Amino acid sequence: MGFEERAQALVATAAKIARLQDLTIDADVLDSASASLIQTGSEENWGETVDFYTLMLEVPISIYVDIGGE
């Protein structure tokens, strides 16, 4: 499995951490989100390539409206 395919697993882990820290709203957002990782750049340094990724979260409109003021 490539790194990009691990987006949902990474977000699920972040949601568990948020719940353990009593960050209910954050955990709810993460649990409801559809996640994807997009490679947004790369850089060569000392002969090694470092890739940069952006985590994109698509959140249902109802959740977005609920957290609009936070």
N, C-alpha and C. Protein backbone atom coordinates (compact mmCIF):
# COMPACT_ATOMS: atom_id res chain seq x y z
N MET A 1 0.85 -1.18 0.00
CA MET A 1 0.00 0.00 0.00
C MET A 1 0.89 1.24 0.00
N GLY A 2 0.61 2.15 -0.93
CA GLY A 2 1.37 3.38 -1.01
C GLY A 2 0.94 4.39 0.06
N PHE A 3 1.76 5.40 0.24
CA PHE A 3 1.49 6.40 1.27
C PHE A 3 0.13 7.07 1.06
N GLU A 4 -0.21 7.39 -0.18
CA GLU A 4 -1.46 8.08 -0.48
C GLU A 4 -2.68 7.28 -0.03
N GLU A 5 -2.59 5.95 -0.07
CA GLU A 5 -3.72 5.10 0.32
C GLU A 5 -3.90 5.01 1.84
N ARG A 6 -2.99 5.57 2.60
CA ARG A 6 -3.06 5.50 4.06
C ARG A 6 -3.79 6.69 4.68
N ALA A 7 -4.34 7.56 3.87
CA ALA A 7 -4.97 8.78 4.38
C ALA A 7 -6.05 8.49 5.41
N GLN A 8 -6.97 7.60 5.10
CA GLN A 8 -8.08 7.33 6.02
C GLN A 8 -7.57 6.72 7.32
N ALA A 9 -6.57 5.86 7.26
CA ALA A 9 -6.00 5.27 8.47
C ALA A 9 -5.32 6.33 9.33
N LEU A 10 -4.63 7.27 8.71
CA LEU A 10 -3.99 8.34 9.45
C LEU A 10 -5.02 9.22 10.15
N VAL A 11 -6.11 9.52 9.45
CA VAL A 11 -7.16 10.35 10.03
C VAL A 11 -7.87 9.60 11.16
N ALA A 12 -8.06 8.31 11.01
CA ALA A 12 -8.68 7.52 12.07
C ALA A 12 -7.82 7.54 13.33
N THR A 13 -6.51 7.46 13.16
CA THR A 13 -5.60 7.53 14.30
C THR A 13 -5.68 8.90 14.95
N ALA A 14 -5.70 9.95 14.15
CA ALA A 14 -5.82 11.31 14.69
C ALA A 14 -7.14 11.48 15.45
N ALA A 15 -8.21 10.87 14.95
CA ALA A 15 -9.51 10.95 15.63
C ALA A 15 -9.45 10.26 16.99
N LYS A 16 -8.79 9.11 17.06
CA LYS A 16 -8.65 8.41 18.34
C LYS A 16 -7.87 9.24 19.34
N ILE A 17 -6.80 9.86 18.87
CA ILE A 17 -5.99 10.72 19.74
C ILE A 17 -6.83 11.90 20.24
N ALA A 18 -7.60 12.51 19.34
CA ALA A 18 -8.44 13.64 19.73
C ALA A 18 -9.46 13.21 20.79
N ARG A 19 -10.06 12.04 20.62
CA ARG A 19 -11.03 11.55 21.62
C ARG A 19 -10.38 11.32 22.98
N LEU A 20 -9.19 10.76 22.97
CA LEU A 20 -8.46 10.52 24.22
C LEU A 20 -8.09 11.84 24.92
N GLN A 21 -7.99 12.91 24.14
CA GLN A 21 -7.68 14.22 24.70
C GLN A 21 -8.95 15.03 24.96
N ASP A 22 -10.12 14.36 24.89
CA ASP A 22 -11.42 15.01 25.09
C ASP A 22 -11.69 16.15 24.12
N LEU A 23 -11.19 16.02 22.92
CA LEU A 23 -11.45 16.99 21.85
C LEU A 23 -12.56 16.44 20.97
N THR A 24 -13.76 16.42 21.51
CA THR A 24 -14.90 15.76 20.88
C THR A 24 -15.21 16.33 19.50
N ILE A 25 -15.25 17.65 19.39
CA ILE A 25 -15.59 18.26 18.10
C ILE A 25 -14.56 17.88 17.05
N ASP A 26 -13.29 17.96 17.41
CA ASP A 26 -12.23 17.60 16.47
C ASP A 26 -12.36 16.14 16.04
N ALA A 27 -12.61 15.26 17.01
CA ALA A 27 -12.76 13.84 16.72
C ALA A 27 -13.95 13.59 15.82
N ASP A 28 -15.06 14.27 16.07
CA ASP A 28 -16.26 14.11 15.23
C ASP A 28 -15.99 14.54 13.79
N VAL A 29 -15.28 15.63 13.63
CA VAL A 29 -14.93 16.10 12.28
C VAL A 29 -14.06 15.07 11.59
N LEU A 30 -13.04 14.59 12.26
CA LEU A 30 -12.14 13.60 11.66
C LEU A 30 -12.87 12.30 11.34
N ASP A 31 -13.76 11.86 12.24
CA ASP A 31 -14.52 10.62 11.99
C ASP A 31 -15.43 10.73 10.79
N SER A 32 -15.96 11.92 10.53
CA SER A 32 -16.92 12.08 9.45
C SER A 32 -16.27 12.43 8.11
N ALA A 33 -14.99 12.75 8.14
CA ALA A 33 -14.31 13.24 6.94
C ALA A 33 -13.89 12.11 6.00
N SER A 34 -13.90 12.44 4.74
CA SER A 34 -13.30 11.58 3.72
C SER A 34 -11.93 12.16 3.43
N ALA A 35 -10.89 11.37 3.63
CA ALA A 35 -9.52 11.88 3.57
C ALA A 35 -8.80 11.44 2.31
N SER A 36 -7.90 12.31 1.86
CA SER A 36 -7.00 11.94 0.76
C SER A 36 -5.68 12.68 0.96
N LEU A 37 -4.61 12.05 0.53
CA LEU A 37 -3.28 12.65 0.57
C LEU A 37 -2.87 12.98 -0.86
N ILE A 38 -2.48 14.21 -1.08
CA ILE A 38 -2.08 14.67 -2.41
C ILE A 38 -0.62 15.10 -2.35
N GLN A 39 0.19 14.55 -3.24
CA GLN A 39 1.59 14.99 -3.29
C GLN A 39 1.61 16.39 -3.87
N THR A 40 2.12 17.34 -3.09
CA THR A 40 2.10 18.74 -3.51
C THR A 40 3.49 19.30 -3.78
N GLY A 41 4.50 18.46 -3.72
CA GLY A 41 5.83 18.93 -4.04
C GLY A 41 6.88 17.91 -3.69
N SER A 42 8.11 18.22 -4.09
CA SER A 42 9.25 17.40 -3.73
C SER A 42 10.49 18.26 -3.80
N GLU A 43 11.52 17.80 -3.12
CA GLU A 43 12.75 18.57 -3.06
C GLU A 43 13.92 17.60 -2.98
N GLU A 44 14.95 17.90 -3.72
CA GLU A 44 16.15 17.07 -3.64
C GLU A 44 17.14 17.75 -2.73
N ASN A 45 17.71 16.94 -1.83
CA ASN A 45 18.67 17.47 -0.88
C ASN A 45 19.71 16.38 -0.61
N TRP A 46 20.96 16.66 -0.90
CA TRP A 46 22.04 15.72 -0.69
C TRP A 46 21.79 14.39 -1.41
N GLY A 47 21.23 14.46 -2.61
CA GLY A 47 21.01 13.26 -3.41
C GLY A 47 19.79 12.46 -3.03
N GLU A 48 19.01 12.92 -2.06
CA GLU A 48 17.79 12.24 -1.65
C GLU A 48 16.59 13.11 -2.00
N THR A 49 15.51 12.48 -2.39
CA THR A 49 14.29 13.21 -2.70
C THR A 49 13.33 13.13 -1.52
N VAL A 50 12.83 14.29 -1.13
CA VAL A 50 11.83 14.37 -0.06
C VAL A 50 10.52 14.82 -0.70
N ASP A 51 9.47 14.03 -0.50
CA ASP A 51 8.16 14.37 -1.05
C ASP A 51 7.32 15.08 0.00
N PHE A 52 6.52 16.06 -0.43
CA PHE A 52 5.63 16.80 0.45
C PHE A 52 4.19 16.45 0.09
N TYR A 53 3.37 16.25 1.11
CA TYR A 53 1.98 15.88 0.92
C TYR A 53 1.06 16.84 1.66
N THR A 54 -0.13 17.02 1.12
CA THR A 54 -1.18 17.79 1.78
C THR A 54 -2.32 16.84 2.09
N LEU A 55 -2.78 16.86 3.33
CA LEU A 55 -3.92 16.05 3.73
C LEU A 55 -5.19 16.85 3.46
N MET A 56 -6.05 16.31 2.62
CA MET A 56 -7.31 16.97 2.28
C MET A 56 -8.44 16.23 2.99
N LEU A 57 -9.32 16.98 3.65
CA LEU A 57 -10.48 16.40 4.32
C LEU A 57 -11.74 16.97 3.71
N GLU A 58 -12.59 16.08 3.22
CA GLU A 58 -13.92 16.48 2.75
C GLU A 58 -14.89 16.18 3.89
N VAL A 59 -15.55 17.23 4.37
CA VAL A 59 -16.42 17.12 5.53
C VAL A 59 -17.86 17.35 5.08
N PRO A 60 -18.80 16.53 5.58
CA PRO A 60 -20.21 16.76 5.23
C PRO A 60 -20.65 18.17 5.60
N ILE A 61 -21.52 18.73 4.80
CA ILE A 61 -22.00 20.10 5.02
C ILE A 61 -22.58 20.28 6.42
N SER A 62 -23.32 19.30 6.91
CA SER A 62 -23.93 19.42 8.24
C SER A 62 -22.87 19.57 9.33
N ILE A 63 -21.77 18.87 9.22
CA ILE A 63 -20.68 18.99 10.20
C ILE A 63 -20.02 20.35 10.05
N TYR A 64 -19.80 20.77 8.82
CA TYR A 64 -19.18 22.06 8.56
C TYR A 64 -20.01 23.19 9.17
N VAL A 65 -21.32 23.12 9.00
CA VAL A 65 -22.21 24.14 9.55
C VAL A 65 -22.16 24.11 11.07
N ASP A 66 -22.13 22.92 11.65
CA ASP A 66 -22.09 22.80 13.12
C ASP A 66 -20.85 23.43 13.73
N ILE A 67 -19.72 23.37 13.03
CA ILE A 67 -18.47 23.90 13.59
C ILE A 67 -18.12 25.26 13.01
N GLY A 68 -18.98 25.84 12.24
CA GLY A 68 -18.70 27.11 11.57
C GLY A 68 -18.15 28.20 12.47
N GLY A 69 -18.61 28.28 13.71
CA GLY A 69 -18.15 29.34 14.60
C GLY A 69 -16.96 28.95 15.45
N GLU A 70 -16.39 27.77 15.24
CA GLU A 70 -15.30 27.32 16.11
C GLU A 70 -13.98 27.31 15.37
